[in-house]
PDB file of all heavy atoms in Angstrom:
ATOM      1  N   LEU A   1       0.832  -1.197   0.000  1.00  0.00           N
ATOM      2  CA  LEU A   1       0.000   0.000   0.000  1.00  0.00           C
ATOM      3  C   LEU A   1       0.867   1.248   0.000  1.00  0.00           C
ATOM      4  O   LEU A   1       0.573   2.218  -0.711  1.00  0.00           O
ATOM      5  CB  LEU A   1      -0.928   0.002   1.221  1.00  0.00           C
ATOM      6  CG  LEU A   1      -1.773   1.275   1.418  1.00  0.00           C
ATOM      7  CD1 LEU A   1      -2.672   1.532   0.218  1.00  0.00           C
ATOM      8  CD2 LEU A   1      -2.610   1.161   2.691  1.00  0.00           C
ATOM      9  N   ALA A   2       1.945   1.238   0.777  1.00  0.00           N
ATOM     10  CA  ALA A   2       2.856   2.381   0.790  1.00  0.00           C
ATOM     11  C   ALA A   2       3.462   2.603  -0.595  1.00  0.00           C
ATOM     12  O   ALA A   2       3.636   3.752  -1.035  1.00  0.00           O
ATOM     13  CB  ALA A   2       3.958   2.163   1.828  1.00  0.00           C
ATOM     14  N   ASP A   3       3.775   1.525  -1.308  1.00  0.00           N
ATOM     15  CA  ASP A   3       4.306   1.649  -2.664  1.00  0.00           C
ATOM     16  C   ASP A   3       3.265   2.254  -3.601  1.00  0.00           C
ATOM     17  O   ASP A   3       3.591   3.098  -4.455  1.00  0.00           O
ATOM     18  CB  ASP A   3       4.738   0.275  -3.199  1.00  0.00           C
ATOM     19  CG  ASP A   3       5.957  -0.283  -2.482  1.00  0.00           C
ATOM     20  OD1 ASP A   3       6.693   0.514  -1.863  1.00  0.00           O
ATOM     21  OD2 ASP A   3       6.159  -1.510  -2.538  1.00  0.00           O
ATOM     22  N   LEU A   4       2.008   1.829  -3.481  1.00  0.00           N
ATOM     23  CA  LEU A   4       0.944   2.370  -4.323  1.00  0.00           C
ATOM     24  C   LEU A   4       0.765   3.859  -4.052  1.00  0.00           C
ATOM     25  O   LEU A   4       0.579   4.661  -4.987  1.00  0.00           O
ATOM     26  CB  LEU A   4      -0.368   1.625  -4.060  1.00  0.00           C
ATOM     27  CG  LEU A   4      -0.406   0.125  -4.371  1.00  0.00           C
ATOM     28  CD1 LEU A   4      -1.787  -0.451  -4.043  1.00  0.00           C
ATOM     29  CD2 LEU A   4      -0.072  -0.144  -5.835  1.00  0.00           C
ATOM     30  N   GLN A   5       0.799   4.241  -2.779  1.00  0.00           N
ATOM     31  CA  GLN A   5       0.639   5.650  -2.430  1.00  0.00           C
ATOM     32  C   GLN A   5       1.786   6.489  -2.989  1.00  0.00           C
ATOM     33  O   GLN A   5       1.570   7.600  -3.478  1.00  0.00           O
ATOM     34  CB  GLN A   5       0.556   5.802  -0.908  1.00  0.00           C
ATOM     35  CG  GLN A   5      -0.716   5.203  -0.315  1.00  0.00           C
ATOM     36  CD  GLN A   5      -0.701   5.185   1.201  1.00  0.00           C
ATOM     37  OE1 GLN A   5       0.360   5.172   1.829  1.00  0.00           O
ATOM     38  NE2 GLN A   5      -1.876   5.172   1.809  1.00  0.00           N
ATOM     39  N   ALA A   6       3.000   5.960  -2.939  1.00  0.00           N
ATOM     40  CA  ALA A   6       4.153   6.694  -3.470  1.00  0.00           C
ATOM     41  C   ALA A   6       4.057   6.837  -4.985  1.00  0.00           C
ATOM     42  O   ALA A   6       4.428   7.883  -5.544  1.00  0.00           O
ATOM     43  CB  ALA A   6       5.440   5.979  -3.082  1.00  0.00           C
ATOM     44  N   ALA A   7       3.533   5.813  -5.650  1.00  0.00           N
ATOM     45  CA  ALA A   7       3.438   5.853  -7.106  1.00  0.00           C
ATOM     46  C   ALA A   7       2.435   6.898  -7.580  1.00  0.00           C
ATOM     47  O   ALA A   7       2.544   7.413  -8.704  1.00  0.00           O
ATOM     48  CB  ALA A   7       3.052   4.469  -7.641  1.00  0.00           C
ATOM     49  N   LEU A   8       1.449   7.239  -6.747  1.00  0.00           N
ATOM     50  CA  LEU A   8       0.466   8.251  -7.122  1.00  0.00           C
ATOM     51  C   LEU A   8       1.095   9.623  -7.338  1.00  0.00           C
ATOM     52  O   LEU A   8       0.527  10.472  -8.033  1.00  0.00           O
ATOM     53  CB  LEU A   8      -0.617   8.362  -6.029  1.00  0.00           C
ATOM     54  CG  LEU A   8      -2.015   7.872  -6.431  1.00  0.00           C
ATOM     55  CD1 LEU A   8      -1.982   6.364  -6.651  1.00  0.00           C
ATOM     56  CD2 LEU A   8      -3.038   8.226  -5.371  1.00  0.00           C
ATOM     57  N   GLU A   9       2.268   9.835  -6.740  1.00  0.00           N
ATOM     58  CA  GLU A   9       2.922  11.135  -6.876  1.00  0.00           C
ATOM     59  C   GLU A   9       3.336  11.420  -8.314  1.00  0.00           C
ATOM     60  O   GLU A   9       3.656  12.563  -8.660  1.00  0.00           O
ATOM     61  CB  GLU A   9       4.135  11.203  -5.950  1.00  0.00           C
ATOM     62  CG  GLU A   9       3.802  11.113  -4.465  1.00  0.00           C
ATOM     63  CD  GLU A   9       2.976  12.294  -3.991  1.00  0.00           C
ATOM     64  OE1 GLU A   9       3.081  13.388  -4.592  1.00  0.00           O
ATOM     65  OE2 GLU A   9       2.206  12.121  -3.031  1.00  0.00           O
ATOM     66  N   ARG A  10       3.345  10.404  -9.149  1.00  0.00           N
ATOM     67  CA  ARG A  10       3.747  10.605 -10.544  1.00  0.00           C
ATOM     68  C   ARG A  10       2.581  10.993 -11.446  1.00  0.00           C
ATOM     69  O   ARG A  10       2.785  11.232 -12.640  1.00  0.00           O
ATOM     70  CB  ARG A  10       4.397   9.326 -11.084  1.00  0.00           C
ATOM     71  CG  ARG A  10       5.635   8.875 -10.325  1.00  0.00           C
ATOM     72  CD  ARG A  10       6.433   7.867 -11.139  1.00  0.00           C
ATOM     73  NE  ARG A  10       5.616   6.736 -11.555  1.00  0.00           N
ATOM     74  CZ  ARG A  10       5.468   5.633 -10.836  1.00  0.00           C
ATOM     75  NH1 ARG A  10       6.068   5.528  -9.653  1.00  0.00           N
ATOM     76  NH2 ARG A  10       4.729   4.633 -11.266  1.00  0.00           N
ATOM     77  N   VAL A  11       1.368  11.059 -10.906  1.00  0.00           N
ATOM     78  CA  VAL A  11       0.206  11.413 -11.724  1.00  0.00           C
ATOM     79  C   VAL A  11       0.288  12.890 -12.116  1.00  0.00           C
ATOM     80  O   VAL A  11       0.521  13.770 -11.279  1.00  0.00           O
ATOM     81  CB  VAL A  11      -1.102  11.132 -10.962  1.00  0.00           C
ATOM     82  CG1 VAL A  11      -2.306  11.617 -11.760  1.00  0.00           C
ATOM     83  CG2 VAL A  11      -1.227   9.643 -10.671  1.00  0.00           C
ATOM     84  N   ASP A  12       0.093  13.153 -13.391  1.00  0.00           N
ATOM     85  CA  ASP A  12       0.225  14.502 -13.933  1.00  0.00           C
ATOM     86  C   ASP A  12      -1.036  15.316 -13.654  1.00  0.00           C
ATOM     87  O   ASP A  12      -2.155  14.817 -13.777  1.00  0.00           O
ATOM     88  CB  ASP A  12       0.474  14.418 -15.443  1.00  0.00           C
ATOM     89  CG  ASP A  12       0.699  15.787 -16.056  1.00  0.00           C
ATOM     90  OD1 ASP A  12       1.253  16.659 -15.367  1.00  0.00           O
ATOM     91  OD2 ASP A  12       0.310  15.987 -17.222  1.00  0.00           O
ATOM     92  N   VAL A  13      -0.838  16.580 -13.279  1.00  0.00           N
ATOM     93  CA  VAL A  13      -1.959  17.504 -13.069  1.00  0.00           C
ATOM     94  C   VAL A  13      -1.683  18.763 -13.877  1.00  0.00           C
ATOM     95  O   VAL A  13      -0.715  19.496 -13.604  1.00  0.00           O
ATOM     96  CB  VAL A  13      -2.133  17.866 -11.581  1.00  0.00           C
ATOM     97  CG1 VAL A  13      -3.349  18.778 -11.403  1.00  0.00           C
ATOM     98  CG2 VAL A  13      -2.295  16.615 -10.727  1.00  0.00           C
ATOM     99  N   ASP A  14      -2.511  19.022 -14.892  1.00  0.00           N
ATOM    100  CA  ASP A  14      -2.355  20.226 -15.691  1.00  0.00           C
ATOM    101  C   ASP A  14      -2.632  21.464 -14.843  1.00  0.00           C
ATOM    102  O   ASP A  14      -3.406  21.425 -13.880  1.00  0.00           O
ATOM    103  CB  ASP A  14      -3.327  20.213 -16.877  1.00  0.00           C
ATOM    104  CG  ASP A  14      -2.864  19.263 -17.973  1.00  0.00           C
ATOM    105  OD1 ASP A  14      -1.689  18.868 -17.945  1.00  0.00           O
ATOM    106  OD2 ASP A  14      -3.692  18.911 -18.831  1.00  0.00           O
ATOM    107  N   ASP A  15      -2.031  22.573 -15.227  1.00  0.00           N
ATOM    108  CA  ASP A  15      -2.184  23.799 -14.455  1.00  0.00           C
ATOM    109  C   ASP A  15      -3.628  24.293 -14.444  1.00  0.00           C
ATOM    110  O   ASP A  15      -4.085  24.870 -13.459  1.00  0.00           O
ATOM    111  CB  ASP A  15      -1.269  24.890 -15.014  1.00  0.00           C
ATOM    112  CG  ASP A  15      -1.177  26.086 -14.092  1.00  0.00           C
ATOM    113  OD1 ASP A  15      -0.686  25.929 -12.960  1.00  0.00           O
ATOM    114  OD2 ASP A  15      -1.616  27.194 -14.501  1.00  0.00           O
ATOM    115  N   ASP A  16      -4.374  24.045 -15.550  1.00  0.00           N
ATOM    116  CA  ASP A  16      -5.762  24.512 -15.563  1.00  0.00           C
ATOM    117  C   ASP A  16      -6.633  23.710 -14.600  1.00  0.00           C
ATOM    118  O   ASP A  16      -7.566  24.250 -13.997  1.00  0.00           O
ATOM    119  CB  ASP A  16      -6.340  24.474 -16.979  1.00  0.00           C
ATOM    120  CG  ASP A  16      -6.243  23.112 -17.627  1.00  0.00           C
ATOM    121  OD1 ASP A  16      -5.616  22.213 -17.032  1.00  0.00           O
ATOM    122  OD2 ASP A  16      -6.796  22.925 -18.732  1.00  0.00           O
ATOM    123  N   VAL A  17      -6.329  22.423 -14.411  1.00  0.00           N
ATOM    124  CA  VAL A  17      -7.057  21.621 -13.423  1.00  0.00           C
ATOM    125  C   VAL A  17      -6.675  22.053 -12.013  1.00  0.00           C
ATOM    126  O   VAL A  17      -7.518  22.147 -11.121  1.00  0.00           O
ATOM    127  CB  VAL A  17      -6.771  20.116 -13.629  1.00  0.00           C
ATOM    128  CG1 VAL A  17      -7.421  19.292 -12.523  1.00  0.00           C
ATOM    129  CG2 VAL A  17      -7.282  19.669 -14.989  1.00  0.00           C
ATOM    130  N   LEU A  18      -5.404  22.342 -11.819  1.00  0.00           N
ATOM    131  CA  LEU A  18      -4.949  22.834 -10.521  1.00  0.00           C
ATOM    132  C   LEU A  18      -5.657  24.144 -10.167  1.00  0.00           C
ATOM    133  O   LEU A  18      -6.131  24.323  -9.026  1.00  0.00           O
ATOM    134  CB  LEU A  18      -3.429  23.027 -10.568  1.00  0.00           C
ATOM    135  CG  LEU A  18      -2.718  23.436  -9.284  1.00  0.00           C
ATOM    136  CD1 LEU A  18      -1.305  22.861  -9.272  1.00  0.00           C
ATOM    137  CD2 LEU A  18      -2.660  24.961  -9.140  1.00  0.00           C
ATOM    138  N   ARG A  19      -5.764  25.040 -11.127  1.00  0.00           N
ATOM    139  CA  ARG A  19      -6.451  26.310 -10.870  1.00  0.00           C
ATOM    140  C   ARG A  19      -7.932  26.094 -10.610  1.00  0.00           C
ATOM    141  O   ARG A  19      -8.553  26.846  -9.846  1.00  0.00           O
ATOM    142  CB  ARG A  19      -6.257  27.257 -12.056  1.00  0.00           C
ATOM    143  CG  ARG A  19      -4.866  27.850 -12.165  1.00  0.00           C
ATOM    144  CD  ARG A  19      -4.485  28.579 -10.886  1.00  0.00           C
ATOM    145  NE  ARG A  19      -5.456  29.625 -10.547  1.00  0.00           N
ATOM    146  CZ  ARG A  19      -5.338  30.885 -10.896  1.00  0.00           C
ATOM    147  NH1 ARG A  19      -4.282  31.286 -11.593  1.00  0.00           N
ATOM    148  NH2 ARG A  19      -6.254  31.773 -10.543  1.00  0.00           N
ATOM    149  N   TYR A  20      -8.523  25.069 -11.233  1.00  0.00           N
ATOM    150  CA  TYR A  20      -9.925  24.755 -10.970  1.00  0.00           C
ATOM    151  C   TYR A  20     -10.115  24.353  -9.510  1.00  0.00           C
ATOM    152  O   TYR A  20     -11.094  24.754  -8.869  1.00  0.00           O
ATOM    153  CB  TYR A  20     -10.379  23.639 -11.906  1.00  0.00           C
ATOM    154  CG  TYR A  20     -11.849  23.278 -11.782  1.00  0.00           C
ATOM    155  CD1 TYR A  20     -12.838  24.261 -11.792  1.00  0.00           C
ATOM    156  CD2 TYR A  20     -12.242  21.947 -11.663  1.00  0.00           C
ATOM    157  CE1 TYR A  20     -14.181  23.922 -11.687  1.00  0.00           C
ATOM    158  CE2 TYR A  20     -13.577  21.602 -11.567  1.00  0.00           C
ATOM    159  CZ  TYR A  20     -14.539  22.593 -11.572  1.00  0.00           C
ATOM    160  OH  TYR A  20     -15.869  22.261 -11.456  1.00  0.00           O
ATOM    161  N   CYS A  21      -9.181  23.582  -8.967  1.00  0.00           N
ATOM    162  CA  CYS A  21      -9.241  23.215  -7.547  1.00  0.00           C
ATOM    163  C   CYS A  21      -9.199  24.468  -6.669  1.00  0.00           C
ATOM    164  O   CYS A  21      -9.963  24.607  -5.704  1.00  0.00           O
ATOM    165  CB  CYS A  21      -8.082  22.290  -7.181  1.00  0.00           C
ATOM    166  SG  CYS A  21      -8.089  20.677  -7.980  1.00  0.00           S
ATOM    167  N   VAL A  22      -8.294  25.386  -7.029  1.00  0.00           N
ATOM    168  CA  VAL A  22      -8.155  26.630  -6.266  1.00  0.00           C
ATOM    169  C   VAL A  22      -9.417  27.482  -6.382  1.00  0.00           C
ATOM    170  O   VAL A  22      -9.896  28.055  -5.394  1.00  0.00           O
ATOM    171  CB  VAL A  22      -6.919  27.414  -6.755  1.00  0.00           C
ATOM    172  CG1 VAL A  22      -6.857  28.798  -6.106  1.00  0.00           C
ATOM    173  CG2 VAL A  22      -5.653  26.629  -6.453  1.00  0.00           C
ATOM    174  N   ASP A  23      -9.986  27.567  -7.581  1.00  0.00           N
ATOM    175  CA  ASP A  23     -11.179  28.393  -7.794  1.00  0.00           C
ATOM    176  C   ASP A  23     -12.376  27.841  -7.022  1.00  0.00           C
ATOM    177  O   ASP A  23     -13.170  28.624  -6.462  1.00  0.00           O
ATOM    178  CB  ASP A  23     -11.510  28.461  -9.285  1.00  0.00           C
ATOM    179  CG  ASP A  23     -10.480  29.276 -10.074  1.00  0.00           C
ATOM    180  OD1 ASP A  23      -9.707  30.016  -9.441  1.00  0.00           O
ATOM    181  OD2 ASP A  23     -10.454  29.141 -11.319  1.00  0.00           O
ATOM    182  N   LEU A  24     -12.539  26.513  -6.997  1.00  0.00           N
ATOM    183  CA  LEU A  24     -13.655  25.927  -6.265  1.00  0.00           C
ATOM    184  C   LEU A  24     -13.537  26.214  -4.768  1.00  0.00           C
ATOM    185  O   LEU A  24     -14.510  26.630  -4.126  1.00  0.00           O
ATOM    186  CB  LEU A  24     -13.705  24.414  -6.497  1.00  0.00           C
ATOM    187  CG  LEU A  24     -14.498  23.908  -7.694  1.00  0.00           C
ATOM    188  CD1 LEU A  24     -14.387  22.387  -7.796  1.00  0.00           C
ATOM    189  CD2 LEU A  24     -15.967  24.312  -7.580  1.00  0.00           C
ATOM    190  N   ALA A  25     -12.355  25.975  -4.216  1.00  0.00           N
ATOM    191  CA  ALA A  25     -12.160  26.243  -2.790  1.00  0.00           C
ATOM    192  C   ALA A  25     -12.328  27.730  -2.501  1.00  0.00           C
ATOM    193  O   ALA A  25     -12.946  28.124  -1.495  1.00  0.00           O
ATOM    194  CB  ALA A  25     -10.789  25.752  -2.347  1.00  0.00           C
TER     195      ALA A  25
END
């Protein structure tokens, strides 16, 4: 499980999706 959690760090997040998270909050 720790390995799976560490591997998630490689998932790509586009800047427009990141800004969407910020705008919603």
